[in-house]
């Protein structure tokens, strides 16, 4: 009986699936909009410098830039491995 229900169920139209995916991409782009263009390059360069001294993973570094009024704060978090 379950097999028949599975075969009879209505499948989502490809247009609605594409619309949902596009909404996810747009939401992601909106969240990234506030970041300057140089942030990915800065993160890569900082990771290269840190790797000269300590072996860390690619996801061990996170950078955020917060701006309020005339003040900007660059926050850098590095997860170092345990010795």
Protein backbone atom coordinates (compact mmCIF):
# COMPACT_ATOMS: atom_id res chain seq x y z
CA UNK A 1 0.00 0.00 0.00
CA UNK A 2 2.82 2.41 0.84
CA UNK A 3 4.38 1.77 -2.55
CA UNK A 4 1.22 2.91 -4.32
CA UNK A 5 1.04 6.05 -2.19
CA UNK A 6 4.65 6.79 -3.05
CA UNK A 7 4.02 6.39 -6.77
CA UNK A 8 0.80 8.43 -6.69
CA UNK A 9 2.18 11.35 -4.74
CA UNK A 10 2.51 14.59 -6.61
CA UNK A 11 6.06 15.55 -7.36
CA UNK A 12 7.17 19.15 -7.09
CA UNK A 13 7.41 20.97 -10.36
CA UNK A 14 10.92 21.87 -11.42
CA UNK A 15 9.95 25.56 -11.52
CA UNK A 16 9.00 25.59 -7.83
CA UNK A 17 12.20 23.76 -6.89
CA UNK A 18 14.24 26.26 -8.91
CA UNK A 19 12.42 29.14 -7.22
CA UNK A 20 13.20 27.76 -3.76
CA UNK A 21 16.87 27.34 -4.66
CA UNK A 22 17.04 30.86 -6.06
CA UNK A 23 15.53 32.25 -2.85
CA UNK A 24 18.24 30.51 -0.83
CA UNK A 25 20.98 31.92 -3.08
CA UNK A 26 19.54 35.45 -2.89
CA UNK A 27 19.30 35.26 0.90
CA UNK A 28 22.93 34.12 1.07
CA UNK A 29 24.06 36.95 -1.22
CA UNK A 30 22.19 39.50 0.90
CA UNK A 31 23.97 38.30 4.02
CA UNK A 32 27.34 38.66 2.26
CA UNK A 33 26.53 42.11 0.84
CA UNK A 34 27.88 44.05 3.81
CA UNK A 35 31.37 42.60 3.50
CA UNK A 36 34.05 44.47 1.56
CA UNK A 37 35.54 42.83 -1.54
CA UNK A 38 38.94 42.40 0.06
CA UNK A 39 37.75 40.18 2.94
CA UNK A 40 38.29 36.78 1.22
CA UNK A 41 41.80 37.82 0.11
CA UNK A 42 42.60 39.13 3.60
CA UNK A 43 41.46 35.85 5.15
CA UNK A 44 43.62 33.85 2.73
CA UNK A 45 46.72 35.98 3.37
CA UNK A 46 46.29 35.83 7.14
CA UNK A 47 45.94 32.06 6.97
CA UNK A 48 49.19 31.83 4.97
CA UNK A 49 51.05 33.91 7.57
CA UNK A 50 49.67 31.87 10.47
CA UNK A 51 50.66 28.65 8.70
CA UNK A 52 54.30 29.75 8.71
CA UNK A 53 54.28 29.20 12.46
CA UNK A 54 51.42 26.79 13.22
CA UNK A 55 49.67 24.18 11.09
CA UNK A 56 45.94 25.06 11.06
CA UNK A 57 42.96 24.01 8.96
CA UNK A 58 41.32 26.22 6.33
CA UNK A 59 38.25 26.72 8.51
CA UNK A 60 40.34 27.63 11.58
CA UNK A 61 40.16 31.35 10.84
CA UNK A 62 37.14 33.63 10.76
CA UNK A 63 37.06 37.35 10.07
CA UNK A 64 34.24 39.79 10.58
CA UNK A 65 34.01 43.52 10.01
CA UNK A 66 31.51 45.55 12.02
CA UNK A 67 30.87 49.20 11.26
CA UNK A 68 28.98 51.70 13.38
CA UNK A 69 28.93 55.42 12.72
CA UNK A 70 32.54 56.39 11.95
CA UNK A 71 34.13 53.37 13.62
CA UNK A 72 34.99 50.00 12.08
CA UNK A 73 36.05 46.94 14.05
CA UNK A 74 37.88 44.06 12.39
CA UNK A 75 37.54 40.87 14.45
CA UNK A 76 39.87 37.95 13.79
CA UNK A 77 39.33 34.55 15.42
CA UNK A 78 41.87 31.76 14.97
CA UNK A 79 41.33 28.29 16.35
CA UNK A 80 44.75 26.88 17.16
CA UNK A 81 45.36 23.15 17.43
CA UNK A 82 46.08 21.63 20.81
CA UNK A 83 49.71 20.73 21.41
